[in-house]
Amino acid sequence: MSDPAEVYEEERKWTYADYRDWELKPGERFELIDGAAYAMSAPNTEHQQISMILSAALFNHFQDKPCQPFAAPFDVRLFYEEDESDDTVVQPDLVVVCDPEKLGEEGCQGAPDLVIEILSPSNTAIEMHRKLNLYLDAGVREYWVIDPEEKLVEIYDLKDERYQTRILRINDTLQSTIFPDFAIPMETIFPKK
């Protein structure tokens, strides 16, 4: 068994098959992006509060509907290969998957319809924007980046193989483009301090 946290003299390109076989310590999580392993820190309290608020809203909204929401840790193999040679596995904070064929025992096999990432000190805006291209290439229909510090949400809607961007602020209503009947006031997402 290889340890992804080791320093290698040669660059190692990991696959999902490698990732699946890692023996990780409790609470230890990694993502693979183009074969490179990235350790994930535990999210902070505010991050988790926002995640719980949105998880509850998504769960309630999608009850008795064909689409299903999932919360991290939940493996998303964006460019799924049956032989496990795919080299990108991410764990977004929240996802919604509408195609039941994409749900496997280990998580999502392909692009979710909606991906939500919440910024915290352990995951910077730079990291989230690096993932933007992955989500675009995989065909994620809608991607949200939630910034608790600035109290805003950047929404990326897939149109004609490109993302169109909108920014929502605290007095706005967060409404999905692909699920137009899902709406939540922005002020209810961010915990009061």
Foldseek 3Di string as FASTA:
>chain_A
DDDLPDDDPDDFFAFQVVVVPDDDDPPWDWWFDRRRIDTFDDFDPQQVLLLVLVVVLQCVVCVVHQKDKDAPPAWAQAAADPVRRRGGIDGAGMFIARDPVQQDPRHGRHATQEGEHEDGPRADPVNVVVCVVVNLVRVRQKYWYAYQVQLKIWIFGDDPSGTDIDMDHQQDWDADPVHRVRIHRSVVSGDDD
